[in-house]
């Protein structure tokens, strides 16, 4: 049986569309759609990942933590650290140890509209 659902494209609500778009471009994403048909919307992608951002009136920066943590798996955590540093994005690194034989690192950052961005190693 063929799957009915073929992909997921989350849409993040933001107050500052340009700042959020430019943040992800600095992280290596490219704009897959931005046009006059939907002037308050843009979509970004990299490989098989695609998501949208949409300007919403009344959006409050800081409130997204109550709704979403934006988690990306990365194949090379050192490359991700360099990418964040080169893009001027402050971050903190955390060693996760959920079990004695299981450790991995995550990088925590904030997007311009207050979303918690979590980059997790070993999740391709």
PDB file of N, CA and C in Angstrom:
ATOM      1  N   UNK A   1       0.845  -1.177   0.000  1.00  0.00           N
ATOM      2  CA  UNK A   1       0.000   0.000   0.000  1.00  0.00           C
ATOM      3  C   UNK A   1       0.893   1.244   0.000  1.00  0.00           C
ATOM      4  N   UNK A   2       0.629   2.173  -0.862  1.00  0.00           N
ATOM      5  CA  UNK A   2       1.372   3.418  -0.944  1.00  0.00           C
ATOM      6  C   UNK A   2       0.966   4.327   0.205  1.00  0.00           C
ATOM      7  N   UNK A   3       1.978   4.949   0.831  1.00  0.00           N
ATOM      8  CA  UNK A   3       1.698   5.855   1.941  1.00  0.00           C
ATOM      9  C   UNK A   3       0.922   7.064   1.450  1.00  0.00           C
ATOM     10  N   UNK A   4      -0.075   7.441   2.193  1.00  0.00           N
ATOM     11  CA  UNK A   4      -0.870   8.609   1.860  1.00  0.00           C
ATOM     12  C   UNK A   4      -0.066   9.890   2.074  1.00  0.00           C
ATOM     13  N   UNK A   5       0.702   9.924   3.163  1.00  0.00           N
ATOM     14  CA  UNK A   5       1.476  11.110   3.492  1.00  0.00           C
ATOM     15  C   UNK A   5       2.911  10.917   3.023  1.00  0.00           C
ATOM     16  N   UNK A   6       3.434  11.887   2.282  1.00  0.00           N
ATOM     17  CA  UNK A   6       4.764  11.722   1.699  1.00  0.00           C
ATOM     18  C   UNK A   6       5.829  12.618   2.307  1.00  0.00           C
ATOM     19  N   UNK A   7       5.431  13.698   3.000  1.00  0.00           N
ATOM     20  CA  UNK A   7       6.408  14.573   3.627  1.00  0.00           C
ATOM     21  C   UNK A   7       5.701  15.491   4.604  1.00  0.00           C
ATOM     22  N   UNK A   8       6.499  16.139   5.444  1.00  0.00           N
ATOM     23  CA  UNK A   8       5.956  17.116   6.371  1.00  0.00           C
ATOM     24  C   UNK A   8       6.716  18.424   6.161  1.00  0.00           C
ATOM     25  N   UNK A   9       5.988  19.506   6.084  1.00  0.00           N
ATOM     26  CA  UNK A   9       6.595  20.827   5.919  1.00  0.00           C
ATOM     27  C   UNK A   9       6.023  21.719   7.017  1.00  0.00           C
ATOM     28  N   UNK A  10       6.682  21.769   8.167  1.00  0.00           N
ATOM     29  CA  UNK A  10       6.174  22.635   9.232  1.00  0.00           C
ATOM     30  C   UNK A  10       6.272  24.104   8.827  1.00  0.00           C
ATOM     31  N   UNK A  11       5.368  24.896   9.357  1.00  0.00           N
ATOM     32  CA  UNK A  11       5.390  26.335   9.131  1.00  0.00           C
ATOM     33  C   UNK A  11       5.513  27.016  10.487  1.00  0.00           C
ATOM     34  N   UNK A  12       6.579  27.789  10.648  1.00  0.00           N
ATOM     35  CA  UNK A  12       6.827  28.512  11.887  1.00  0.00           C
ATOM     36  C   UNK A  12       6.279  29.925  11.758  1.00  0.00           C
ATOM     37  N   UNK A  13       5.542  30.369  12.751  1.00  0.00           N
ATOM     38  CA  UNK A  13       5.061  31.744  12.758  1.00  0.00           C
ATOM     39  C   UNK A  13       6.144  32.632  13.357  1.00  0.00           C
ATOM     40  N   UNK A  14       6.348  33.802  12.767  1.00  0.00           N
ATOM     41  CA  UNK A  14       7.397  34.729  13.188  1.00  0.00           C
ATOM     42  C   UNK A  14       6.871  36.156  13.149  1.00  0.00           C
ATOM     43  N   UNK A  15       7.567  37.042  13.837  1.00  0.00           N
ATOM     44  CA  UNK A  15       7.267  38.459  13.764  1.00  0.00           C
ATOM     45  C   UNK A  15       8.118  39.152  12.722  1.00  0.00           C
ATOM     46  N   UNK A  16       9.347  38.684  12.559  1.00  0.00           N
ATOM     47  CA  UNK A  16      10.294  39.298  11.620  1.00  0.00           C
ATOM     48  C   UNK A  16      10.706  38.256  10.587  1.00  0.00           C
ATOM     49  N   UNK A  17       9.995  38.249   9.468  1.00  0.00           N
ATOM     50  CA  UNK A  17      10.216  37.252   8.423  1.00  0.00           C
ATOM     51  C   UNK A  17      11.631  37.333   7.857  1.00  0.00           C
ATOM     52  N   UNK A  18      12.102  38.528   7.542  1.00  0.00           N
ATOM     53  CA  UNK A  18      13.424  38.680   6.920  1.00  0.00           C
ATOM     54  C   UNK A  18      14.538  38.196   7.845  1.00  0.00           C
ATOM     55  N   UNK A  19      14.466  38.536   9.122  1.00  0.00           N
ATOM     56  CA  UNK A  19      15.515  38.110  10.060  1.00  0.00           C
ATOM     57  C   UNK A  19      15.547  36.595  10.190  1.00  0.00           C
ATOM     58  N   UNK A  20      14.383  35.971  10.258  1.00  0.00           N
ATOM     59  CA  UNK A  20      14.323  34.509  10.392  1.00  0.00           C
ATOM     60  C   UNK A  20      14.835  33.839   9.120  1.00  0.00           C
ATOM     61  N   UNK A  21      14.408  34.344   7.961  1.00  0.00           N
ATOM     62  CA  UNK A  21      14.888  33.804   6.678  1.00  0.00           C
ATOM     63  C   UNK A  21      16.401  33.910   6.581  1.00  0.00           C
ATOM     64  N   UNK A  22      16.936  35.078   6.875  1.00  0.00           N
ATOM     65  CA  UNK A  22      18.383  35.290   6.758  1.00  0.00           C
ATOM     66  C   UNK A  22      19.172  34.436   7.739  1.00  0.00           C
ATOM     67  N   UNK A  23      18.612  34.188   8.925  1.00  0.00           N
ATOM     68  CA  UNK A  23      19.240  33.311   9.913  1.00  0.00           C
ATOM     69  C   UNK A  23      19.463  31.926   9.310  1.00  0.00           C
ATOM     70  N   UNK A  24      18.416  31.351   8.703  1.00  0.00           N
ATOM     71  CA  UNK A  24      18.541  30.011   8.132  1.00  0.00           C
ATOM     72  C   UNK A  24      19.421  29.993   6.885  1.00  0.00           C
ATOM     73  N   UNK A  25      19.428  31.055   6.125  1.00  0.00           N
ATOM     74  CA  UNK A  25      20.327  31.143   4.973  1.00  0.00           C
ATOM     75  C   UNK A  25      21.773  31.102   5.447  1.00  0.00           C
ATOM     76  N   UNK A  26      22.082  31.790   6.547  1.00  0.00           N
ATOM     77  CA  UNK A  26      23.452  31.749   7.096  1.00  0.00           C
ATOM     78  C   UNK A  26      23.837  30.345   7.556  1.00  0.00           C
ATOM     79  N   UNK A  27      22.831  29.524   7.871  1.00  0.00           N
ATOM     80  CA  UNK A  27      23.109  28.146   8.280  1.00  0.00           C
ATOM     81  C   UNK A  27      23.149  27.178   7.095  1.00  0.00           C
ATOM     82  N   UNK A  28      23.051  27.710   5.880  1.00  0.00           N
ATOM     83  CA  UNK A  28      23.205  26.868   4.700  1.00  0.00           C
ATOM     84  C   UNK A  28      21.915  26.465   4.010  1.00  0.00           C
ATOM     85  N   UNK A  29      20.757  26.930   4.502  1.00  0.00           N
ATOM     86  CA  UNK A  29      19.506  26.655   3.822  1.00  0.00           C
ATOM     87  C   UNK A  29      19.354  27.621   2.655  1.00  0.00           C
ATOM     88  N   UNK A  30      18.514  27.274   1.698  1.00  0.00           N
ATOM     89  CA  UNK A  30      18.239  28.177   0.583  1.00  0.00           C
ATOM     90  C   UNK A  30      16.726  28.394   0.492  1.00  0.00           C
ATOM     91  N   UNK A  31      16.361  29.514  -0.057  1.00  0.00           N
ATOM     92  CA  UNK A  31      14.947  29.842  -0.217  1.00  0.00           C
ATOM     93  C   UNK A  31      14.383  28.982  -1.341  1.00  0.00           C
ATOM     94  N   UNK A  32      13.329  28.229  -1.044  1.00  0.00           N
ATOM     95  CA  UNK A  32      12.673  27.411  -2.068  1.00  0.00           C
ATOM     96  C   UNK A  32      11.423  28.090  -2.617  1.00  0.00           C
ATOM     97  N   UNK A  33      10.881  29.035  -1.864  1.00  0.00           N
ATOM     98  CA  UNK A  33       9.777  29.854  -2.357  1.00  0.00           C
ATOM     99  C   UNK A  33       9.757  31.172  -1.595  1.00  0.00           C
ATOM    100  N   UNK A  34       9.591  32.236  -2.334  1.00  0.00           N
ATOM    101  CA  UNK A  34       9.326  33.558  -1.767  1.00  0.00           C
ATOM    102  C   UNK A  34       8.779  34.389  -2.919  1.00  0.00           C
ATOM    103  N   UNK A  35       7.515  34.769  -2.837  1.00  0.00           N
ATOM    104  CA  UNK A  35       6.943  35.463  -3.979  1.00  0.00           C
ATOM    105  C   UNK A  35       5.790  36.369  -3.622  1.00  0.00           C
ATOM    106  N   UNK A  36       5.345  37.130  -4.597  1.00  0.00           N
ATOM    107  CA  UNK A  36       4.280  38.113  -4.362  1.00  0.00           C
ATOM    108  C   UNK A  36       2.921  37.479  -4.058  1.00  0.00           C
ATOM    109  N   UNK A  37       2.751  36.205  -4.422  1.00  0.00           N
ATOM    110  CA  UNK A  37       1.466  35.553  -4.156  1.00  0.00           C
ATOM    111  C   UNK A  37       1.208  35.443  -2.653  1.00  0.00           C
ATOM    112  N   UNK A  38       2.273  35.211  -1.887  1.00  0.00           N
ATOM    113  CA  UNK A  38       2.190  35.097  -0.428  1.00  0.00           C
ATOM    114  C   UNK A  38       3.309  35.948   0.169  1.00  0.00           C
ATOM    115  N   UNK A  39       3.108  37.261   0.258  1.00  0.00           N
ATOM    116  CA  UNK A  39       4.196  38.154   0.661  1.00  0.00           C
ATOM    117  C   UNK A  39       4.662  37.980   2.108  1.00  0.00           C
ATOM    118  N   UNK A  40       3.868  37.343   2.954  1.00  0.00           N
ATOM    119  CA  UNK A  40       4.254  37.136   4.351  1.00  0.00           C
ATOM    120  C   UNK A  40       4.733  35.718   4.610  1.00  0.00           C
ATOM    121  N   UNK A  41       5.169  35.024   3.559  1.00  0.00           N
ATOM    122  CA  UNK A  41       5.565  33.621   3.681  1.00  0.00           C
ATOM    123  C   UNK A  41       6.821  33.358   2.853  1.00  0.00           C
ATOM    124  N   UNK A  42       7.663  32.496   3.369  1.00  0.00           N
ATOM    125  CA  UNK A  42       8.817  31.992   2.615  1.00  0.00           C
ATOM    126  C   UNK A  42       9.029  30.543   3.025  1.00  0.00           C
ATOM    127  N   UNK A  43       9.559  29.743   2.117  1.00  0.00           N
ATOM    128  CA  UNK A  43       9.943  28.388   2.493  1.00  0.00           C
ATOM    129  C   UNK A  43      11.434  28.229   2.220  1.00  0.00           C
ATOM    130  N   UNK A  44      12.051  27.392   3.042  1.00  0.00           N
ATOM    131  CA  UNK A  44      13.489  27.158   2.960  1.00  0.00           C
ATOM    132  C   UNK A  44      13.750  25.664   2.923  1.00  0.00           C
ATOM    133  N   UNK A  45      14.865  25.298   2.328  1.00  0.00           N
ATOM    134  CA  UNK A  45      15.185  23.888   2.245  1.00  0.00           C
ATOM    135  C   UNK A  45      16.671  23.631   2.193  1.00  0.00           C
ATOM    136  N   UNK A  46      16.997  22.385   2.459  1.00  0.00           N
ATOM    137  CA  UNK A  46      18.357  21.865   2.326  1.00  0.00           C
ATOM    138  C   UNK A  46      18.213  20.351   2.240  1.00  0.00           C
ATOM    139  N   UNK A  47      18.603  19.781   1.107  1.00  0.00           N
ATOM    140  CA  UNK A  47      18.428  18.346   0.922  1.00  0.00           C
ATOM    141  C   UNK A  47      16.960  17.980   1.017  1.00  0.00           C
ATOM    142  N   UNK A  48      16.643  16.990   1.855  1.00  0.00           N
ATOM    143  CA  UNK A  48      15.255  16.541   1.987  1.00  0.00           C
ATOM    144  C   UNK A  48      14.469  17.332   3.026  1.00  0.00           C
ATOM    145  N   UNK A  49      15.088  18.327   3.647  1.00  0.00           N
ATOM    146  CA  UNK A  49      14.424  19.136   4.670  1.00  0.00           C
ATOM    147  C   UNK A  49      13.824  20.376   4.027  1.00  0.00           C
ATOM    148  N   UNK A  50      12.569  20.632   4.334  1.00  0.00           N
ATOM    149  CA  UNK A  50      11.928  21.863   3.876  1.00  0.00           C
ATOM    150  C   UNK A  50      10.938  22.320   4.942  1.00  0.00           C
ATOM    151  N   UNK A  51      10.862  23.626   5.159  1.00  0.00           N
ATOM    152  CA  UNK A  51       9.914  24.188   6.104  1.00  0.00           C
ATOM    153  C   UNK A  51       9.575  25.604   5.672  1.00  0.00           C
ATOM    154  N   UNK A  52       8.475  26.108   6.221  1.00  0.00           N
ATOM    155  CA  UNK A  52       8.041  27.457   5.906  1.00  0.00           C
ATOM    156  C   UNK A  52       8.141  28.359   7.116  1.00  0.00           C
ATOM    157  N   UNK A  53       8.215  29.651   6.850  1.00  0.00           N
ATOM    158  CA  UNK A  53       8.107  30.665   7.893  1.00  0.00           C
ATOM    159  C   UNK A  53       7.069  31.669   7.425  1.00  0.00           C
ATOM    160  N   UNK A  54       6.215  32.094   8.358  1.00  0.00           N
ATOM    161  CA  UNK A  54       5.126  32.994   8.007  1.00  0.00           C
ATOM    162  C   UNK A  54       5.013  34.110   9.038  1.00  0.00           C
ATOM    163  N   UNK A  55       5.008  35.342   8.548  1.00  0.00           N
ATOM    164  CA  UNK A  55       4.844  36.498   9.437  1.00  0.00           C
ATOM    165  C   UNK A  55       3.407  36.512   9.949  1.00  0.00           C
ATOM    166  N   UNK A  56       3.270  36.636  11.275  1.00  0.00           N
ATOM    167  CA  UNK A  56       1.955  36.685  11.902  1.00  0.00           C
ATOM    168  C   UNK A  56       1.837  37.940  12.755  1.00  0.00           C
ATOM    169  N   UNK A  57       0.790  38.693  12.540  1.00  0.00           N
ATOM    170  CA  UNK A  57       0.532  39.864  13.370  1.00  0.00           C
ATOM    171  C   UNK A  57       0.358  39.413  14.817  1.00  0.00           C
ATOM    172  N   UNK A  58       0.933  40.156  15.722  1.00  0.00           N
ATOM    173  CA  UNK A  58       0.795  39.835  17.138  1.00  0.00           C
ATOM    174  C   UNK A  58       1.757  38.780  17.646  1.00  0.00           C
ATOM    175  N   UNK A  59       2.647  38.283  16.784  1.00  0.00           N
ATOM    176  CA  UNK A  59       3.616  37.282  17.225  1.00  0.00           C
ATOM    177  C   UNK A  59       4.508  37.892  18.296  1.00  0.00           C
ATOM    178  N   UNK A  60       4.750  37.169  19.374  1.00  0.00           N
ATOM    179  CA  UNK A  60       5.614  37.644  20.457  1.00  0.00           C
ATOM    180  C   UNK A  60       6.874  36.796  20.504  1.00  0.00           C
ATOM    181  N   UNK A  61       8.014  37.429  20.262  1.00  0.00           N
ATOM    182  CA  UNK A  61       9.295  36.720  20.397  1.00  0.00           C
ATOM    183  C   UNK A  61       9.424  36.258  21.835  1.00  0.00           C
ATOM    184  N   UNK A  62       9.961  35.085  22.028  1.00  0.00           N
ATOM    185  CA  UNK A  62      10.096  34.516  23.366  1.00  0.00           C
ATOM    186  C   UNK A  62       9.001  33.509  23.675  1.00  0.00           C
ATOM    187  N   UNK A  63       7.828  33.693  23.108  1.00  0.00           N
ATOM    188  CA  UNK A  63       6.722  32.778  23.356  1.00  0.00           C
ATOM    189  C   UNK A  63       6.880  31.425  22.659  1.00  0.00           C
ATOM    190  N   UNK A  64       7.684  31.301  21.571  1.00  0.00           N
ATOM    191  CA  UNK A  64       7.759  30.016  20.874  1.00  0.00           C
ATOM    192  C   UNK A  64       8.191  28.844  21.744  1.00  0.00           C
ATOM    193  N   UNK A  65       8.953  29.095  22.808  1.00  0.00           N
ATOM    194  CA  UNK A  65       9.368  27.993  23.674  1.00  0.00           C
ATOM    195  C   UNK A  65       8.188  27.235  24.254  1.00  0.00           C
ATOM    196  N   UNK A  66       7.050  27.875  24.340  1.00  0.00           N
ATOM    197  CA  UNK A  66       5.873  27.215  24.882  1.00  0.00           C
ATOM    198  C   UNK A  66       5.183  26.353  23.839  1.00  0.00           C
ATOM    199  N   UNK A  67       5.688  26.420  22.607  1.00  0.00           N
ATOM    200  CA  UNK A  67       5.045  25.713  21.509  1.00  0.00           C
ATOM    201  C   UNK A  67       5.964  24.690  20.849  1.00  0.00           C
ATOM    202  N   UNK A  68       7.259  25.034  20.691  1.00  0.00           N
ATOM    203  CA  UNK A  68       8.099  24.230  19.813  1.00  0.00           C
ATOM    204  C   UNK A  68       9.570  24.338  20.172  1.00  0.00           C
ATOM    205  N   UNK A  69      10.273  23.219  20.111  1.00  0.00           N
ATOM    206  CA  UNK A  69      11.734  23.196  20.028  1.00  0.00           C
ATOM    207  C   UNK A  69      12.037  22.689  18.633  1.00  0.00           C
ATOM    208  N   UNK A  70      12.852  23.415  17.920  1.00  0.00           N
ATOM    209  CA  UNK A  70      13.162  23.136  16.522  1.00  0.00           C
ATOM    210  C   UNK A  70      14.434  22.306  16.519  1.00  0.00           C
ATOM    211  N   UNK A  71      14.335  21.000  16.298  1.00  0.00           N
ATOM    212  CA  UNK A  71      15.469  20.075  16.401  1.00  0.00           C
ATOM    213  C   UNK A  71      15.873  19.547  15.032  1.00  0.00           C
ATOM    214  N   UNK A  72      17.177  19.681  14.749  1.00  0.00           N
ATOM    215  CA  UNK A  72      17.738  19.138  13.517  1.00  0.00           C
ATOM    216  C   UNK A  72      18.814  18.117  13.888  1.00  0.00           C
ATOM    217  N   UNK A  73      18.795  16.968  13.247  1.00  0.00           N
ATOM    218  CA  UNK A  73      19.888  16.026  13.370  1.00  0.00           C
ATOM    219  C   UNK A  73      21.011  16.451  12.440  1.00  0.00           C
ATOM    220  N   UNK A  74      22.240  16.354  12.912  1.00  0.00           N
ATOM    221  CA  UNK A  74      23.395  16.710  12.084  1.00  0.00           C
ATOM    222  C   UNK A  74      24.365  15.536  12.034  1.00  0.00           C
ATOM    223  N   UNK A  75      25.030  15.386  10.916  1.00  0.00           N
ATOM    224  CA  UNK A  75      25.966  14.283  10.741  1.00  0.00           C
ATOM    225  C   UNK A  75      27.356  14.611  11.285  1.00  0.00           C
ATOM    226  N   UNK A  76      27.672  15.884  11.486  1.00  0.00           N
ATOM    227  CA  UNK A  76      28.998  16.290  11.942  1.00  0.00           C
ATOM    228  C   UNK A  76      28.850  17.469  12.904  1.00  0.00           C
ATOM    229  N   UNK A  77      28.910  17.204  14.203  1.00  0.00           N
ATOM    230  CA  UNK A  77      28.681  18.244  15.204  1.00  0.00           C
ATOM    231  C   UNK A  77      29.763  19.323  15.159  1.00  0.00           C
ATOM    232  N   UNK A  78      31.001  18.956  14.838  1.00  0.00           N
ATOM    233  CA  UNK A  78      32.074  19.958  14.751  1.00  0.00           C
ATOM    234  C   UNK A  78      31.830  20.915  13.590  1.00  0.00           C
ATOM    235  N   UNK A  79      31.353  20.378  12.487  1.00  0.00           N
ATOM    236  CA  UNK A  79      31.011  21.223  11.337  1.00  0.00           C
ATOM    237  C   UNK A  79      29.842  22.143  11.690  1.00  0.00           C
ATOM    238  N   UNK A  80      28.884  21.625  12.442  1.00  0.00           N
ATOM    239  CA  UNK A  80      27.739  22.434  12.872  1.00  0.00           C
ATOM    240  C   UNK A  80      28.197  23.563  13.798  1.00  0.00           C
ATOM    241  N   UNK A  81      29.125  23.270  14.708  1.00  0.00           N
ATOM    242  CA  UNK A  81      29.663  24.311  15.592  1.00  0.00           C
ATOM    243  C   UNK A  81      30.340  25.411  14.785  1.00  0.00           C
ATOM    244  N   UNK A  82      31.127  25.020  13.799  1.00  0.00           N
ATOM    245  CA  UNK A  82      31.818  25.997  12.957  1.00  0.00           C
ATOM    246  C   UNK A  82      30.816  26.823  12.164  1.00  0.00           C
ATOM    247  N   UNK A  83      29.786  26.172  11.652  1.00  0.00           N
ATOM    248  CA  UNK A  83      28.753  26.869  10.889  1.00  0.00           C
ATOM    249  C   UNK A  83      28.075  27.931  11.753  1.00  0.00           C
ATOM    250  N   UNK A  84      27.701  27.568  12.983  1.00  0.00           N
ATOM    251  CA  UNK A  84      27.073  28.538  13.884  1.00  0.00           C
ATOM    252  C   UNK A  84      28.026  29.692  14.195  1.00  0.00           C
ATOM    253  N   UNK A  85      29.272  29.357  14.518  1.00  0.00           N
ATOM    254  CA  UNK A  85      30.255  30.390  14.840  1.00  0.00           C
ATOM    255  C   UNK A  85      30.491  31.320  13.653  1.00  0.00           C
ATOM    256  N   UNK A  86      30.665  30.742  12.476  1.00  0.00           N
ATOM    257  CA  UNK A  86      30.898  31.554  11.273  1.00  0.00           C
ATOM    258  C   UNK A  86      29.705  32.442  10.942  1.00  0.00           C
ATOM    259  N   UNK A  87      28.502  31.977  11.290  1.00  0.00           N
ATOM    260  CA  UNK A  87      27.286  32.750  11.034  1.00  0.00           C
ATOM    261  C   UNK A  87      27.023  33.775  12.134  1.00  0.00           C
ATOM    262  N   UNK A  88      27.878  33.788  13.169  1.00  0.00           N
ATOM    263  CA  UNK A  88      27.697  34.734  14.266  1.00  0.00           C
ATOM    264  C   UNK A  88      26.546  34.386  15.188  1.00  0.00           C
ATOM    265  N   UNK A  89      26.181  33.114  15.245  1.00  0.00           N
ATOM    266  CA  UNK A  89      25.063  32.671  16.075  1.00  0.00           C
ATOM    267  C   UNK A  89      25.593  32.152  17.406  1.00  0.00           C
ATOM    268  N   UNK A  90      25.258  32.804  18.512  1.00  0.00           N
ATOM    269  CA  UNK A  90      25.680  32.293  19.815  1.00  0.00           C
ATOM    270  C   UNK A  90      25.033  30.926  20.079  1.00  0.00           C
ATOM    271  N   UNK A  91      25.779  30.055  20.714  1.00  0.00           N
ATOM    272  CA  UNK A  91      25.244  28.731  21.041  1.00  0.00           C
ATOM    273  C   UNK A  91      25.941  28.209  22.297  1.00  0.00           C
ATOM    274  N   UNK A  92      25.341  27.191  22.877  1.00  0.00           N
ATOM    275  CA  UNK A  92      26.006  26.477  23.963  1.00  0.00           C
ATOM    276  C   UNK A  92      25.962  24.991  23.628  1.00  0.00           C
ATOM    277  N   UNK A  93      26.991  24.299  24.052  1.00  0.00           N
ATOM    278  CA  UNK A  93      27.101  22.866  23.788  1.00  0.00           C
ATOM    279  C   UNK A  93      26.759  22.106  25.058  1.00  0.00           C
ATOM    280  N   UNK A  94      26.064  20.999  24.900  1.00  0.00           N
ATOM    281  CA  UNK A  94      25.694  20.180  26.045  1.00  0.00           C
ATOM    282  C   UNK A  94      25.961  18.714  25.727  1.00  0.00           C
ATOM    283  N   UNK A  95      26.561  18.010  26.676  1.00  0.00           N
ATOM    284  CA  UNK A  95      26.767  16.566  26.547  1.00  0.00           C
ATOM    285  C   UNK A  95      25.573  15.879  27.190  1.00  0.00           C
ATOM    286  N   UNK A  96      24.882  15.086  26.423  1.00  0.00           N
ATOM    287  CA  UNK A  96      23.724  14.344  26.904  1.00  0.00           C
ATOM    288  C   UNK A  96      24.174  12.920  27.230  1.00  0.00           C
ATOM    289  N   UNK A  97      23.718  12.398  28.361  1.00  0.00           N
ATOM    290  CA  UNK A  97      24.082  11.038  28.786  1.00  0.00           C
ATOM    291  C   UNK A  97      22.839  10.331  29.329  1.00  0.00           C
ATOM    292  N   UNK A  98      21.939   9.919  28.432  1.00  0.00           N
ATOM    293  CA  UNK A  98      20.707   9.284  28.893  1.00  0.00           C
ATOM    294  C   UNK A  98      20.916   7.888  29.494  1.00  0.00           C
ATOM    295  N   UNK A  99      22.037   7.244  29.187  1.00  0.00           N
ATOM    296  CA  UNK A  99      22.351   5.921  29.736  1.00  0.00           C
ATOM    297  C   UNK A  99      23.870   5.805  29.823  1.00  0.00           C
ATOM    298  N   UNK A 100      24.387   4.897  30.658  1.00  0.00           N
ATOM    299  CA  UNK A 100      25.839   4.780  30.811  1.00  0.00           C
ATOM    300  C   UNK A 100      26.591   4.531  29.503  1.00  0.00           C
ATOM    301  N   UNK A 101      25.970   3.851  28.562  1.00  0.00           N
ATOM    302  CA  UNK A 101      26.641   3.548  27.300  1.00  0.00           C
ATOM    303  C   UNK A 101      26.124   4.394  26.127  1.00  0.00           C
ATOM    304  N   UNK A 102      25.468   5.522  26.457  1.00  0.00           N
ATOM    305  CA  UNK A 102      24.886   6.351  25.409  1.00  0.00           C
ATOM    306  C   UNK A 102      25.116   7.818  25.732  1.00  0.00           C
ATOM    307  N   UNK A 103      26.015   8.432  24.986  1.00  0.00           N
ATOM    308  CA  UNK A 103      26.250   9.872  25.118  1.00  0.00           C
ATOM    309  C   UNK A 103      26.261  10.501  23.730  1.00  0.00           C
ATOM    310  N   UNK A 104      25.849  11.731  23.681  1.00  0.00           N
ATOM    311  CA  UNK A 104      25.901  12.492  22.430  1.00  0.00           C
ATOM    312  C   UNK A 104      25.887  13.973  22.792  1.00  0.00           C
ATOM    313  N   UNK A 105      26.251  14.808  21.832  1.00  0.00           N
ATOM    314  CA  UNK A 105      26.305  16.248  22.061  1.00  0.00           C
ATOM    315  C   UNK A 105      25.182  16.955  21.315  1.00  0.00           C
ATOM    316  N   UNK A 106      24.726  18.034  21.918  1.00  0.00           N
ATOM    317  CA  UNK A 106      23.743  18.896  21.274  1.00  0.00           C
ATOM    318  C   UNK A 106      24.214  20.344  21.381  1.00  0.00           C
ATOM    319  N   UNK A 107      23.825  21.132  20.402  1.00  0.00           N
ATOM    320  CA  UNK A 107      24.115  22.555  20.396  1.00  0.00           C
ATOM    321  C   UNK A 107      22.781  23.288  20.533  1.00  0.00           C
ATOM    322  N   UNK A 108      22.722  24.231  21.457  1.00  0.00           N
ATOM    323  CA  UNK A 108      21.517  25.019  21.691  1.00  0.00           C
ATOM    324  C   UNK A 108      21.748  26.434  21.182  1.00  0.00           C
ATOM    325  N   UNK A 109      20.811  26.945  20.388  1.00  0.00           N
ATOM    326  CA  UNK A 109      20.888  28.323  19.891  1.00  0.00           C
ATOM    327  C   UNK A 109      19.471  28.883  19.854  1.00  0.00           C
ATOM    328  N   UNK A 110      19.356  30.167  19.544  1.00  0.00           N
ATOM    329  CA  UNK A 110      18.067  30.846  19.411  1.00  0.00           C
ATOM    330  C   UNK A 110      17.970  31.457  18.024  1.00  0.00           C
ATOM    331  N   UNK A 111      16.790  31.365  17.429  1.00  0.00           N
ATOM    332  CA  UNK A 111      16.559  32.038  16.160  1.00  0.00           C
ATOM    333  C   UNK A 111      16.175  33.488  16.471  1.00  0.00           C
ATOM    334  N   UNK A 112      16.177  34.371  15.470  1.00  0.00           N
ATOM    335  CA  UNK A 112      15.834  35.772  15.729  1.00  0.00           C
ATOM    336  C   UNK A 112      14.443  35.976  16.327  1.00  0.00           C
ATOM    337  N   UNK A 113      13.522  35.043  16.085  1.00  0.00           N
ATOM    338  CA  UNK A 113      12.180  35.178  16.633  1.00  0.00           C
ATOM    339  C   UNK A 113      11.969  34.366  17.901  1.00  0.00           C
ATOM    340  N   UNK A 114      13.057  33.869  18.491  1.00  0.00           N
ATOM    341  CA  UNK A 114      12.989  33.237  19.801  1.00  0.00           C
ATOM    342  C   UNK A 114      12.817  31.736  19.828  1.00  0.00           C
ATOM    343  N   UNK A 115      12.839  31.077  18.684  1.00  0.00           N
ATOM    344  CA  UNK A 115      12.721  29.619  18.701  1.00  0.00           C
ATOM    345  C   UNK A 115      13.997  28.990  19.237  1.00  0.00           C
ATOM    346  N   UNK A 116      13.833  27.932  20.021  1.00  0.00           N
ATOM    347  CA  UNK A 116      14.969  27.151  20.522  1.00  0.00           C
ATOM    348  C   UNK A 116      15.397  26.218  19.397  1.00  0.00           C
ATOM    349  N   UNK A 117      16.620  26.412  18.911  1.00  0.00           N
ATOM    350  CA  UNK A 117      17.176  25.573  17.850  1.00  0.00           C
ATOM    351  C   UNK A 117      18.122  24.584  18.500  1.00  0.00           C
ATOM    352  N   UNK A 118      17.883  23.308  18.297  1.00  0.00           N
ATOM    353  CA  UNK A 118      18.670  22.234  18.887  1.00  0.00           C
ATOM    354  C   UNK A 118      19.281  21.422  17.752  1.00  0.00           C
ATOM    355  N   UNK A 119      20.617  21.396  17.665  1.00  0.00           N
ATOM    356  CA  UNK A 119      21.320  20.590  16.674  1.00  0.00           C
ATOM    357  C   UNK A 119      21.902  19.382  17.399  1.00  0.00           C
ATOM    358  N   UNK A 120      21.490  18.195  16.993  1.00  0.00           N
ATOM    359  CA  UNK A 120      21.846  16.965  17.706  1.00  0.00           C
ATOM    360  C   UNK A 120      22.741  16.100  16.821  1.00  0.00           C
ATOM    361  N   UNK A 121      23.887  15.677  17.385  1.00  0.00           N
ATOM    362  CA  UNK A 121      24.802  14.857  16.613  1.00  0.00           C
ATOM    363  C   UNK A 121      24.292  13.433  16.471  1.00  0.00           C
ATOM    364  N   UNK A 122      24.724  12.809  15.377  1.00  0.00           N
ATOM    365  CA  UNK A 122      24.417  11.398  15.175  1.00  0.00           C
ATOM    366  C   UNK A 122      23.017  11.110  14.720  1.00  0.00           C
ATOM    367  N   UNK A 123      22.290  12.103  14.266  1.00  0.00           N
ATOM    368  CA  UNK A 123      20.908  11.906  13.813  1.00  0.00           C
ATOM    369  C   UNK A 123      20.811  12.291  12.350  1.00  0.00           C
ATOM    370  N   UNK A 124      21.074  11.347  11.482  1.00  0.00           N
ATOM    371  CA  UNK A 124      21.026  11.652  10.052  1.00  0.00           C
ATOM    372  C   UNK A 124      19.666  11.355   9.484  1.00  0.00           C
TER     373      UNK A 124
END
